[in-house]
């Protein structure tokens, strides 16, 4: 997806949200962290044993294409959740997850 085809309100989300906020949203909404590196995370959503979606969430804003990739991730989240940019923003910033559950999902703690 290139910038000329992205909706303006979605572009605004790339400056209003952080990757950490989006990670918290994904972890609290049945997405599973597949990979975490220094520059990206890969998340997958599986329902009934079927892969519904997989996204790459960029973490490092120093990359020249960070905002484009971040916008791609936000677009994919909206497509999967069938919501517009305003709804996406509200859902993402409202996401709450308890810290120990999040750390387990992100691989920082063993399962209890």
PDB file of N, CA and C in Angstrom:
ATOM      1  N   UNK A   1       0.858  -1.172   0.000  1.00  0.00           N
ATOM      2  CA  UNK A   1       0.000   0.000   0.000  1.00  0.00           C
ATOM      3  C   UNK A   1       0.900   1.230   0.000  1.00  0.00           C
ATOM      4  N   UNK A   2       0.611   2.183  -0.867  1.00  0.00           N
ATOM      5  CA  UNK A   2       1.420   3.405  -0.839  1.00  0.00           C
ATOM      6  C   UNK A   2       0.613   4.548  -0.234  1.00  0.00           C
ATOM      7  N   UNK A   3       1.306   5.584   0.127  1.00  0.00           N
ATOM      8  CA  UNK A   3       0.660   6.697   0.830  1.00  0.00           C
ATOM      9  C   UNK A   3      -0.503   7.307   0.060  1.00  0.00           C
ATOM     10  N   UNK A   4      -0.437   7.331  -1.253  1.00  0.00           N
ATOM     11  CA  UNK A   4      -1.498   7.979  -2.020  1.00  0.00           C
ATOM     12  C   UNK A   4      -2.818   7.230  -1.921  1.00  0.00           C
ATOM     13  N   UNK A   5      -2.792   5.942  -1.578  1.00  0.00           N
ATOM     14  CA  UNK A   5      -4.030   5.175  -1.482  1.00  0.00           C
ATOM     15  C   UNK A   5      -4.496   5.004  -0.042  1.00  0.00           C
ATOM     16  N   UNK A   6      -3.770   5.556   0.928  1.00  0.00           N
ATOM     17  CA  UNK A   6      -4.152   5.414   2.325  1.00  0.00           C
ATOM     18  C   UNK A   6      -5.117   6.520   2.715  1.00  0.00           C
ATOM     19  N   UNK A   7      -6.098   6.165   3.535  1.00  0.00           N
ATOM     20  CA  UNK A   7      -7.057   7.154   3.987  1.00  0.00           C
ATOM     21  C   UNK A   7      -6.372   8.152   4.921  1.00  0.00           C
ATOM     22  N   UNK A   8      -6.682   9.447   4.801  1.00  0.00           N
ATOM     23  CA  UNK A   8      -6.023  10.466   5.622  1.00  0.00           C
ATOM     24  C   UNK A   8      -6.130  10.199   7.120  1.00  0.00           C
ATOM     25  N   UNK A   9      -7.294   9.767   7.596  1.00  0.00           N
ATOM     26  CA  UNK A   9      -7.451   9.529   9.029  1.00  0.00           C
ATOM     27  C   UNK A   9      -6.567   8.379   9.504  1.00  0.00           C
ATOM     28  N   UNK A  10      -6.299   7.421   8.625  1.00  0.00           N
ATOM     29  CA  UNK A  10      -5.405   6.319   8.978  1.00  0.00           C
ATOM     30  C   UNK A  10      -3.972   6.828   9.089  1.00  0.00           C
ATOM     31  N   UNK A  11      -3.586   7.740   8.230  1.00  0.00           N
ATOM     32  CA  UNK A  11      -2.248   8.327   8.317  1.00  0.00           C
ATOM     33  C   UNK A  11      -2.067   9.072   9.641  1.00  0.00           C
ATOM     34  N   UNK A  12      -3.122   9.719  10.107  1.00  0.00           N
ATOM     35  CA  UNK A  12      -3.054  10.431  11.383  1.00  0.00           C
ATOM     36  C   UNK A  12      -2.791   9.464  12.543  1.00  0.00           C
ATOM     37  N   UNK A  13      -3.287   8.233  12.427  1.00  0.00           N
ATOM     38  CA  UNK A  13      -3.077   7.251  13.484  1.00  0.00           C
ATOM     39  C   UNK A  13      -1.601   6.920  13.671  1.00  0.00           C
ATOM     40  N   UNK A  14      -0.831   7.013  12.603  1.00  0.00           N
ATOM     41  CA  UNK A  14       0.593   6.670  12.710  1.00  0.00           C
ATOM     42  C   UNK A  14       1.343   7.640  13.608  1.00  0.00           C
ATOM     43  N   UNK A  15       0.811   8.841  13.792  1.00  0.00           N
ATOM     44  CA  UNK A  15       1.446   9.788  14.709  1.00  0.00           C
ATOM     45  C   UNK A  15       0.760   9.803  16.074  1.00  0.00           C
ATOM     46  N   UNK A  16      -0.506   9.360  16.123  1.00  0.00           N
ATOM     47  CA  UNK A  16      -1.255   9.375  17.380  1.00  0.00           C
ATOM     48  C   UNK A  16      -1.020   8.128  18.227  1.00  0.00           C
ATOM     49  N   UNK A  17      -0.588   7.047  17.603  1.00  0.00           N
ATOM     50  CA  UNK A  17      -0.389   5.780  18.310  1.00  0.00           C
ATOM     51  C   UNK A  17       1.076   5.378  18.306  1.00  0.00           C
ATOM     52  N   UNK A  18       1.450   4.539  19.246  1.00  0.00           N
ATOM     53  CA  UNK A  18       2.810   3.993  19.273  1.00  0.00           C
ATOM     54  C   UNK A  18       2.740   2.491  19.038  1.00  0.00           C
ATOM     55  N   UNK A  19       3.836   1.899  18.574  1.00  0.00           N
ATOM     56  CA  UNK A  19       3.856   0.441  18.432  1.00  0.00           C
ATOM     57  C   UNK A  19       3.554  -0.271  19.749  1.00  0.00           C
ATOM     58  N   UNK A  20       4.016   0.263  20.866  1.00  0.00           N
ATOM     59  CA  UNK A  20       3.752  -0.374  22.169  1.00  0.00           C
ATOM     60  C   UNK A  20       2.253  -0.399  22.467  1.00  0.00           C
ATOM     61  N   UNK A  21       1.554   0.673  22.132  1.00  0.00           N
ATOM     62  CA  UNK A  21       0.111   0.724  22.346  1.00  0.00           C
ATOM     63  C   UNK A  21      -0.596  -0.304  21.467  1.00  0.00           C
ATOM     64  N   UNK A  22      -0.158  -0.424  20.225  1.00  0.00           N
ATOM     65  CA  UNK A  22      -0.753  -1.399  19.310  1.00  0.00           C
ATOM     66  C   UNK A  22      -0.444  -2.820  19.785  1.00  0.00           C
ATOM     67  N   UNK A  23       0.766  -3.075  20.265  1.00  0.00           N
ATOM     68  CA  UNK A  23       1.116  -4.392  20.807  1.00  0.00           C
ATOM     69  C   UNK A  23       0.201  -4.755  21.968  1.00  0.00           C
ATOM     70  N   UNK A  24      -0.039  -3.809  22.852  1.00  0.00           N
ATOM     71  CA  UNK A  24      -0.924  -4.040  23.990  1.00  0.00           C
ATOM     72  C   UNK A  24      -2.333  -4.395  23.505  1.00  0.00           C
ATOM     73  N   UNK A  25      -2.803  -3.682  22.485  1.00  0.00           N
ATOM     74  CA  UNK A  25      -4.119  -3.970  21.911  1.00  0.00           C
ATOM     75  C   UNK A  25      -4.165  -5.386  21.344  1.00  0.00           C
ATOM     76  N   UNK A  26      -3.155  -5.742  20.560  1.00  0.00           N
ATOM     77  CA  UNK A  26      -3.138  -7.067  19.948  1.00  0.00           C
ATOM     78  C   UNK A  26      -3.132  -8.161  21.006  1.00  0.00           C
ATOM     79  N   UNK A  27      -2.287  -7.996  22.011  1.00  0.00           N
ATOM     80  CA  UNK A  27      -2.181  -8.999  23.076  1.00  0.00           C
ATOM     81  C   UNK A  27      -3.488  -9.157  23.843  1.00  0.00           C
ATOM     82  N   UNK A  28      -4.248  -8.091  23.943  1.00  0.00           N
ATOM     83  CA  UNK A  28      -5.503  -8.155  24.694  1.00  0.00           C
ATOM     84  C   UNK A  28      -6.682  -8.579  23.827  1.00  0.00           C
ATOM     85  N   UNK A  29      -6.433  -8.828  22.544  1.00  0.00           N
ATOM     86  CA  UNK A  29      -7.517  -9.183  21.623  1.00  0.00           C
ATOM     87  C   UNK A  29      -7.254 -10.467  20.857  1.00  0.00           C
ATOM     88  N   UNK A  30      -6.730 -11.451  21.542  1.00  0.00           N
ATOM     89  CA  UNK A  30      -6.573 -12.812  21.015  1.00  0.00           C
ATOM     90  C   UNK A  30      -5.500 -12.977  19.935  1.00  0.00           C
ATOM     91  N   UNK A  31      -4.727 -11.945  19.655  1.00  0.00           N
ATOM     92  CA  UNK A  31      -3.614 -12.084  18.738  1.00  0.00           C
ATOM     93  C   UNK A  31      -2.458 -12.717  19.516  1.00  0.00           C
ATOM     94  N   UNK A  32      -1.653 -13.500  18.851  1.00  0.00           N
ATOM     95  CA  UNK A  32      -0.503 -14.143  19.482  1.00  0.00           C
ATOM     96  C   UNK A  32       0.792 -13.625  18.863  1.00  0.00           C
ATOM     97  N   UNK A  33       1.720 -13.312  19.728  1.00  0.00           N
ATOM     98  CA  UNK A  33       3.025 -12.855  19.266  1.00  0.00           C
ATOM     99  C   UNK A  33       3.799 -14.044  18.730  1.00  0.00           C
ATOM    100  N   UNK A  34       4.167 -13.965  17.479  1.00  0.00           N
ATOM    101  CA  UNK A  34       4.904 -15.035  16.812  1.00  0.00           C
ATOM    102  C   UNK A  34       6.408 -14.780  16.858  1.00  0.00           C
ATOM    103  N   UNK A  35       6.774 -13.513  16.761  1.00  0.00           N
ATOM    104  CA  UNK A  35       8.198 -13.145  16.717  1.00  0.00           C
ATOM    105  C   UNK A  35       8.355 -11.729  17.239  1.00  0.00           C
ATOM    106  N   UNK A  36       9.425 -11.525  18.004  1.00  0.00           N
ATOM    107  CA  UNK A  36       9.775 -10.173  18.429  1.00  0.00           C
ATOM    108  C   UNK A  36      11.270  -9.979  18.232  1.00  0.00           C
ATOM    109  N   UNK A  37      11.614  -8.955  17.481  1.00  0.00           N
ATOM    110  CA  UNK A  37      13.000  -8.573  17.286  1.00  0.00           C
ATOM    111  C   UNK A  37      13.170  -7.123  17.704  1.00  0.00           C
ATOM    112  N   UNK A  38      14.324  -6.570  17.411  1.00  0.00           N
ATOM    113  CA  UNK A  38      14.563  -5.172  17.780  1.00  0.00           C
ATOM    114  C   UNK A  38      13.802  -4.196  16.899  1.00  0.00           C
ATOM    115  N   UNK A  39      13.497  -4.599  15.669  1.00  0.00           N
ATOM    116  CA  UNK A  39      12.869  -3.660  14.743  1.00  0.00           C
ATOM    117  C   UNK A  39      11.433  -4.004  14.379  1.00  0.00           C
ATOM    118  N   UNK A  40      10.958  -5.212  14.744  1.00  0.00           N
ATOM    119  CA  UNK A  40       9.591  -5.577  14.380  1.00  0.00           C
ATOM    120  C   UNK A  40       9.055  -6.684  15.273  1.00  0.00           C
ATOM    121  N   UNK A  41       7.725  -6.778  15.291  1.00  0.00           N
ATOM    122  CA  UNK A  41       7.011  -7.893  15.885  1.00  0.00           C
ATOM    123  C   UNK A  41       6.125  -8.478  14.801  1.00  0.00           C
ATOM    124  N   UNK A  42       5.907  -9.787  14.863  1.00  0.00           N
ATOM    125  CA  UNK A  42       4.974 -10.442  13.962  1.00  0.00           C
ATOM    126  C   UNK A  42       3.887 -11.055  14.835  1.00  0.00           C
ATOM    127  N   UNK A  43       2.654 -10.696  14.537  1.00  0.00           N
ATOM    128  CA  UNK A  43       1.493 -11.160  15.293  1.00  0.00           C
ATOM    129  C   UNK A  43       0.600 -11.986  14.387  1.00  0.00           C
ATOM    130  N   UNK A  44      -0.076 -12.992  14.975  1.00  0.00           N
ATOM    131  CA  UNK A  44      -1.013 -13.794  14.201  1.00  0.00           C
ATOM    132  C   UNK A  44      -2.311 -13.958  14.983  1.00  0.00           C
ATOM    133  N   UNK A  45      -3.393 -14.059  14.238  1.00  0.00           N
ATOM    134  CA  UNK A  45      -4.714 -14.275  14.811  1.00  0.00           C
ATOM    135  C   UNK A  45      -5.224 -15.601  14.272  1.00  0.00           C
ATOM    136  N   UNK A  46      -5.478 -16.529  15.184  1.00  0.00           N
ATOM    137  CA  UNK A  46      -5.959 -17.853  14.818  1.00  0.00           C
ATOM    138  C   UNK A  46      -7.305 -18.070  15.492  1.00  0.00           C
ATOM    139  N   UNK A  47      -8.270 -18.543  14.709  1.00  0.00           N
ATOM    140  CA  UNK A  47      -9.590 -18.867  15.249  1.00  0.00           C
ATOM    141  C   UNK A  47      -9.960 -20.266  14.788  1.00  0.00           C
ATOM    142  N   UNK A  48     -10.323 -21.115  15.741  1.00  0.00           N
ATOM    143  CA  UNK A  48     -10.719 -22.478  15.402  1.00  0.00           C
ATOM    144  C   UNK A  48      -9.636 -23.252  14.676  1.00  0.00           C
ATOM    145  N   UNK A  49      -8.392 -22.959  14.986  1.00  0.00           N
ATOM    146  CA  UNK A  49      -7.277 -23.636  14.329  1.00  0.00           C
ATOM    147  C   UNK A  49      -6.920 -23.086  12.959  1.00  0.00           C
ATOM    148  N   UNK A  50      -7.653 -22.092  12.501  1.00  0.00           N
ATOM    149  CA  UNK A  50      -7.395 -21.481  11.190  1.00  0.00           C
ATOM    150  C   UNK A  50      -6.732 -20.126  11.346  1.00  0.00           C
ATOM    151  N   UNK A  51      -5.707 -19.896  10.542  1.00  0.00           N
ATOM    152  CA  UNK A  51      -5.036 -18.603  10.532  1.00  0.00           C
ATOM    153  C   UNK A  51      -5.951 -17.583   9.874  1.00  0.00           C
ATOM    154  N   UNK A  52      -6.330 -16.561  10.637  1.00  0.00           N
ATOM    155  CA  UNK A  52      -7.198 -15.498  10.126  1.00  0.00           C
ATOM    156  C   UNK A  52      -6.358 -14.372   9.528  1.00  0.00           C
ATOM    157  N   UNK A  53      -5.299 -14.008  10.234  1.00  0.00           N
ATOM    158  CA  UNK A  53      -4.462 -12.902   9.762  1.00  0.00           C
ATOM    159  C   UNK A  53      -3.102 -12.964  10.437  1.00  0.00           C
ATOM    160  N   UNK A  54      -2.144 -12.339   9.796  1.00  0.00           N
ATOM    161  CA  UNK A  54      -0.781 -12.182  10.296  1.00  0.00           C
ATOM    162  C   UNK A  54      -0.340 -10.782   9.934  1.00  0.00           C
ATOM    163  N   UNK A  55       0.243 -10.069  10.895  1.00  0.00           N
ATOM    164  CA  UNK A  55       0.731  -8.724  10.591  1.00  0.00           C
ATOM    165  C   UNK A  55       2.148  -8.536  11.113  1.00  0.00           C
ATOM    166  N   UNK A  56       2.857  -7.637  10.468  1.00  0.00           N
ATOM    167  CA  UNK A  56       4.183  -7.223  10.903  1.00  0.00           C
ATOM    168  C   UNK A  56       4.025  -5.823  11.467  1.00  0.00           C
ATOM    169  N   UNK A  57       4.412  -5.670  12.726  1.00  0.00           N
ATOM    170  CA  UNK A  57       4.328  -4.385  13.400  1.00  0.00           C
ATOM    171  C   UNK A  57       5.729  -3.813  13.535  1.00  0.00           C
ATOM    172  N   UNK A  58       6.027  -2.713  12.835  1.00  0.00           N
ATOM    173  CA  UNK A  58       7.364  -2.129  12.932  1.00  0.00           C
ATOM    174  C   UNK A  58       7.551  -1.433  14.281  1.00  0.00           C
ATOM    175  N   UNK A  59       8.741  -1.538  14.839  1.00  0.00           N
ATOM    176  CA  UNK A  59       9.019  -0.964  16.149  1.00  0.00           C
ATOM    177  C   UNK A  59       9.971   0.226  16.105  1.00  0.00           C
ATOM    178  N   UNK A  60      10.855   0.265  15.127  1.00  0.00           N
ATOM    179  CA  UNK A  60      11.927   1.254  15.099  1.00  0.00           C
ATOM    180  C   UNK A  60      11.603   2.418  14.163  1.00  0.00           C
ATOM    181  N   UNK A  61      11.285   3.587  14.710  1.00  0.00           N
ATOM    182  CA  UNK A  61      10.920   4.736  13.874  1.00  0.00           C
ATOM    183  C   UNK A  61      12.087   5.336  13.085  1.00  0.00           C
ATOM    184  N   UNK A  62      13.305   4.829  13.309  1.00  0.00           N
ATOM    185  CA  UNK A  62      14.447   5.345  12.562  1.00  0.00           C
ATOM    186  C   UNK A  62      14.481   4.855  11.114  1.00  0.00           C
ATOM    187  N   UNK A  63      13.696   3.825  10.789  1.00  0.00           N
ATOM    188  CA  UNK A  63      13.660   3.341   9.409  1.00  0.00           C
ATOM    189  C   UNK A  63      12.859   4.312   8.547  1.00  0.00           C
ATOM    190  N   UNK A  64      13.322   4.543   7.343  1.00  0.00           N
ATOM    191  CA  UNK A  64      12.683   5.504   6.447  1.00  0.00           C
ATOM    192  C   UNK A  64      11.234   5.139   6.133  1.00  0.00           C
ATOM    193  N   UNK A  65      10.921   3.838   6.093  1.00  0.00           N
ATOM    194  CA  UNK A  65       9.564   3.413   5.750  1.00  0.00           C
ATOM    195  C   UNK A  65       8.736   3.029   6.973  1.00  0.00           C
ATOM    196  N   UNK A  66       9.174   3.425   8.170  1.00  0.00           N
ATOM    197  CA  UNK A  66       8.452   3.050   9.389  1.00  0.00           C
ATOM    198  C   UNK A  66       6.988   3.470   9.343  1.00  0.00           C
ATOM    199  N   UNK A  67       6.702   4.715   9.006  1.00  0.00           N
ATOM    200  CA  UNK A  67       5.306   5.168   9.036  1.00  0.00           C
ATOM    201  C   UNK A  67       4.463   4.430   7.986  1.00  0.00           C
ATOM    202  N   UNK A  68       5.053   4.106   6.838  1.00  0.00           N
ATOM    203  CA  UNK A  68       4.313   3.333   5.831  1.00  0.00           C
ATOM    204  C   UNK A  68       3.979   1.940   6.353  1.00  0.00           C
ATOM    205  N   UNK A  69       4.957   1.275   6.964  1.00  0.00           N
ATOM    206  CA  UNK A  69       4.729  -0.081   7.494  1.00  0.00           C
ATOM    207  C   UNK A  69       3.773  -0.050   8.680  1.00  0.00           C
ATOM    208  N   UNK A  70       3.868   0.984   9.513  1.00  0.00           N
ATOM    209  CA  UNK A  70       2.965   1.124  10.650  1.00  0.00           C
ATOM    210  C   UNK A  70       1.539   1.325  10.138  1.00  0.00           C
ATOM    211  N   UNK A  71       1.402   2.126   9.114  1.00  0.00           N
ATOM    212  CA  UNK A  71       0.100   2.365   8.504  1.00  0.00           C
ATOM    213  C   UNK A  71      -0.455   1.064   7.913  1.00  0.00           C
ATOM    214  N   UNK A  72       0.403   0.274   7.276  1.00  0.00           N
ATOM    215  CA  UNK A  72      -0.021  -1.022   6.737  1.00  0.00           C
ATOM    216  C   UNK A  72      -0.570  -1.912   7.851  1.00  0.00           C
ATOM    217  N   UNK A  73       0.125  -1.947   8.989  1.00  0.00           N
ATOM    218  CA  UNK A  73      -0.311  -2.772  10.116  1.00  0.00           C
ATOM    219  C   UNK A  73      -1.665  -2.289  10.639  1.00  0.00           C
ATOM    220  N   UNK A  74      -1.819  -0.983  10.777  1.00  0.00           N
ATOM    221  CA  UNK A  74      -3.081  -0.426  11.264  1.00  0.00           C
ATOM    222  C   UNK A  74      -4.220  -0.696  10.284  1.00  0.00           C
ATOM    223  N   UNK A  75      -3.918  -0.624   9.006  1.00  0.00           N
ATOM    224  CA  UNK A  75      -4.915  -0.929   7.976  1.00  0.00           C
ATOM    225  C   UNK A  75      -5.358  -2.391   8.093  1.00  0.00           C
ATOM    226  N   UNK A  76      -4.406  -3.296   8.261  1.00  0.00           N
ATOM    227  CA  UNK A  76      -4.726  -4.720   8.375  1.00  0.00           C
ATOM    228  C   UNK A  76      -5.573  -4.988   9.620  1.00  0.00           C
ATOM    229  N   UNK A  77      -5.248  -4.338  10.727  1.00  0.00           N
ATOM    230  CA  UNK A  77      -6.028  -4.499  11.959  1.00  0.00           C
ATOM    231  C   UNK A  77      -7.475  -4.052  11.721  1.00  0.00           C
ATOM    232  N   UNK A  78      -7.641  -2.943  11.036  1.00  0.00           N
ATOM    233  CA  UNK A  78      -8.984  -2.450  10.727  1.00  0.00           C
ATOM    234  C   UNK A  78      -9.747  -3.390   9.821  1.00  0.00           C
ATOM    235  N   UNK A  79      -9.062  -3.961   8.853  1.00  0.00           N
ATOM    236  CA  UNK A  79      -9.700  -4.897   7.930  1.00  0.00           C
ATOM    237  C   UNK A  79     -10.171  -6.142   8.680  1.00  0.00           C
ATOM    238  N   UNK A  80      -9.314  -6.685   9.544  1.00  0.00           N
ATOM    239  CA  UNK A  80      -9.659  -7.879  10.308  1.00  0.00           C
ATOM    240  C   UNK A  80     -10.796  -7.601  11.283  1.00  0.00           C
ATOM    241  N   UNK A  81     -10.766  -6.440  11.934  1.00  0.00           N
ATOM    242  CA  UNK A  81     -11.777  -6.089  12.926  1.00  0.00           C
ATOM    243  C   UNK A  81     -12.960  -5.330  12.344  1.00  0.00           C
ATOM    244  N   UNK A  82     -12.948  -5.114  11.029  1.00  0.00           N
ATOM    245  CA  UNK A  82     -14.031  -4.433  10.332  1.00  0.00           C
ATOM    246  C   UNK A  82     -14.397  -3.106  11.012  1.00  0.00           C
ATOM    247  N   UNK A  83     -13.401  -2.224  11.102  1.00  0.00           N
ATOM    248  CA  UNK A  83     -13.657  -0.920  11.726  1.00  0.00           C
ATOM    249  C   UNK A  83     -12.882   0.176  10.988  1.00  0.00           C
ATOM    250  N   UNK A  84     -13.402   1.387  11.061  1.00  0.00           N
ATOM    251  CA  UNK A  84     -12.744   2.512  10.408  1.00  0.00           C
ATOM    252  C   UNK A  84     -11.627   3.056  11.310  1.00  0.00           C
ATOM    253  N   UNK A  85     -10.922   4.059  10.839  1.00  0.00           N
ATOM    254  CA  UNK A  85      -9.764   4.586  11.565  1.00  0.00           C
ATOM    255  C   UNK A  85     -10.141   5.133  12.941  1.00  0.00           C
ATOM    256  N   UNK A  86     -11.266   5.826  13.028  1.00  0.00           N
ATOM    257  CA  UNK A  86     -11.681   6.372  14.325  1.00  0.00           C
ATOM    258  C   UNK A  86     -11.996   5.260  15.319  1.00  0.00           C
ATOM    259  N   UNK A  87     -12.703   4.231  14.858  1.00  0.00           N
ATOM    260  CA  UNK A  87     -13.013   3.087  15.723  1.00  0.00           C
ATOM    261  C   UNK A  87     -11.730   2.358  16.137  1.00  0.00           C
ATOM    262  N   UNK A  88     -10.814   2.216  15.182  1.00  0.00           N
ATOM    263  CA  UNK A  88      -9.532   1.571  15.473  1.00  0.00           C
ATOM    264  C   UNK A  88      -8.800   2.297  16.587  1.00  0.00           C
ATOM    265  N   UNK A  89      -8.737   3.618  16.461  1.00  0.00           N
ATOM    266  CA  UNK A  89      -8.048   4.419  17.470  1.00  0.00           C
ATOM    267  C   UNK A  89      -8.679   4.191  18.847  1.00  0.00           C
ATOM    268  N   UNK A  90      -9.995   4.286  18.926  1.00  0.00           N
ATOM    269  CA  UNK A  90     -10.688   4.112  20.205  1.00  0.00           C
ATOM    270  C   UNK A  90     -10.423   2.734  20.795  1.00  0.00           C
ATOM    271  N   UNK A  91     -10.489   1.704  19.976  1.00  0.00           N
ATOM    272  CA  UNK A  91     -10.267   0.335  20.463  1.00  0.00           C
ATOM    273  C   UNK A  91      -8.827   0.131  20.923  1.00  0.00           C
ATOM    274  N   UNK A  92      -7.894   0.684  20.173  1.00  0.00           N
ATOM    275  CA  UNK A  92      -6.480   0.486  20.504  1.00  0.00           C
ATOM    276  C   UNK A  92      -6.111   1.207  21.794  1.00  0.00           C
ATOM    277  N   UNK A  93      -6.514   2.465  21.939  1.00  0.00           N
ATOM    278  CA  UNK A  93      -6.136   3.194  23.157  1.00  0.00           C
ATOM    279  C   UNK A  93      -6.899   2.698  24.383  1.00  0.00           C
ATOM    280  N   UNK A  94      -8.047   2.080  24.169  1.00  0.00           N
ATOM    281  CA  UNK A  94      -8.832   1.569  25.293  1.00  0.00           C
ATOM    282  C   UNK A  94      -8.368   0.195  25.765  1.00  0.00           C
ATOM    283  N   UNK A  95      -7.500  -0.447  25.003  1.00  0.00           N
ATOM    284  CA  UNK A  95      -7.070  -1.818  25.334  1.00  0.00           C
ATOM    285  C   UNK A  95      -6.369  -1.851  26.679  1.00  0.00           C
ATOM    286  N   UNK A  96      -6.835  -2.744  27.500  1.00  0.00           N
ATOM    287  CA  UNK A  96      -6.226  -2.961  28.810  1.00  0.00           C
ATOM    288  C   UNK A  96      -5.934  -4.453  28.927  1.00  0.00           C
ATOM    289  N   UNK A  97      -4.820  -4.760  29.489  1.00  0.00           N
ATOM    290  CA  UNK A  97      -4.465  -6.157  29.724  1.00  0.00           C
ATOM    291  C   UNK A  97      -3.614  -6.186  30.979  1.00  0.00           C
ATOM    292  N   UNK A  98      -3.805  -7.207  31.803  1.00  0.00           N
ATOM    293  CA  UNK A  98      -2.998  -7.234  33.016  1.00  0.00           C
ATOM    294  C   UNK A  98      -1.539  -7.527  32.651  1.00  0.00           C
ATOM    295  N   UNK A  99      -0.631  -6.957  33.402  1.00  0.00           N
ATOM    296  CA  UNK A  99       0.800  -6.993  33.074  1.00  0.00           C
ATOM    297  C   UNK A  99       1.353  -8.400  32.995  1.00  0.00           C
ATOM    298  N   UNK A 100       0.989  -9.287  33.910  1.00  0.00           N
ATOM    299  CA  UNK A 100       1.567 -10.631  33.871  1.00  0.00           C
ATOM    300  C   UNK A 100       1.069 -11.408  32.657  1.00  0.00           C
ATOM    301  N   UNK A 101      -0.197 -11.219  32.287  1.00  0.00           N
ATOM    302  CA  UNK A 101      -0.724 -11.876  31.092  1.00  0.00           C
ATOM    303  C   UNK A 101      -0.002 -11.378  29.847  1.00  0.00           C
ATOM    304  N   UNK A 102       0.228 -10.083  29.771  1.00  0.00           N
ATOM    305  CA  UNK A 102       0.934  -9.513  28.628  1.00  0.00           C
ATOM    306  C   UNK A 102       2.363 -10.036  28.558  1.00  0.00           C
ATOM    307  N   UNK A 103       3.058 -10.078  29.677  1.00  0.00           N
ATOM    308  CA  UNK A 103       4.443 -10.560  29.666  1.00  0.00           C
ATOM    309  C   UNK A 103       4.502 -12.018  29.240  1.00  0.00           C
ATOM    310  N   UNK A 104       3.536 -12.840  29.667  1.00  0.00           N
ATOM    311  CA  UNK A 104       3.511 -14.245  29.240  1.00  0.00           C
ATOM    312  C   UNK A 104       3.319 -14.321  27.736  1.00  0.00           C
ATOM    313  N   UNK A 105       2.393 -13.528  27.203  1.00  0.00           N
ATOM    314  CA  UNK A 105       2.142 -13.541  25.755  1.00  0.00           C
ATOM    315  C   UNK A 105       3.362 -13.064  24.978  1.00  0.00           C
ATOM    316  N   UNK A 106       4.088 -12.131  25.560  1.00  0.00           N
ATOM    317  CA  UNK A 106       5.256 -11.593  24.873  1.00  0.00           C
ATOM    318  C   UNK A 106       6.514 -12.419  25.164  1.00  0.00           C
ATOM    319  N   UNK A 107       6.369 -13.456  25.969  1.00  0.00           N
ATOM    320  CA  UNK A 107       7.474 -14.358  26.191  1.00  0.00           C
ATOM    321  C   UNK A 107       8.419 -13.993  27.308  1.00  0.00           C
ATOM    322  N   UNK A 108       8.065 -12.995  28.125  1.00  0.00           N
ATOM    323  CA  UNK A 108       8.941 -12.563  29.207  1.00  0.00           C
ATOM    324  C   UNK A 108       8.789 -13.408  30.457  1.00  0.00           C
ATOM    325  N   UNK A 109       7.650 -14.084  30.618  1.00  0.00           N
ATOM    326  CA  UNK A 109       7.402 -14.910  31.789  1.00  0.00           C
ATOM    327  C   UNK A 109       6.910 -16.278  31.347  1.00  0.00           C
ATOM    328  N   UNK A 110       7.231 -17.311  32.087  1.00  0.00           N
ATOM    329  CA  UNK A 110       6.672 -18.632  31.752  1.00  0.00           C
ATOM    330  C   UNK A 110       5.197 -18.669  32.090  1.00  0.00           C
ATOM    331  N   UNK A 111       4.464 -19.557  31.416  1.00  0.00           N
ATOM    332  CA  UNK A 111       3.058 -19.754  31.742  1.00  0.00           C
ATOM    333  C   UNK A 111       2.941 -20.255  33.164  1.00  0.00           C
ATOM    334  N   UNK A 112       1.925 -19.803  33.891  1.00  0.00           N
ATOM    335  CA  UNK A 112       1.712 -20.241  35.276  1.00  0.00           C
ATOM    336  C   UNK A 112       1.053 -21.605  35.311  1.00  0.00           C
TER     337      UNK A 112
END
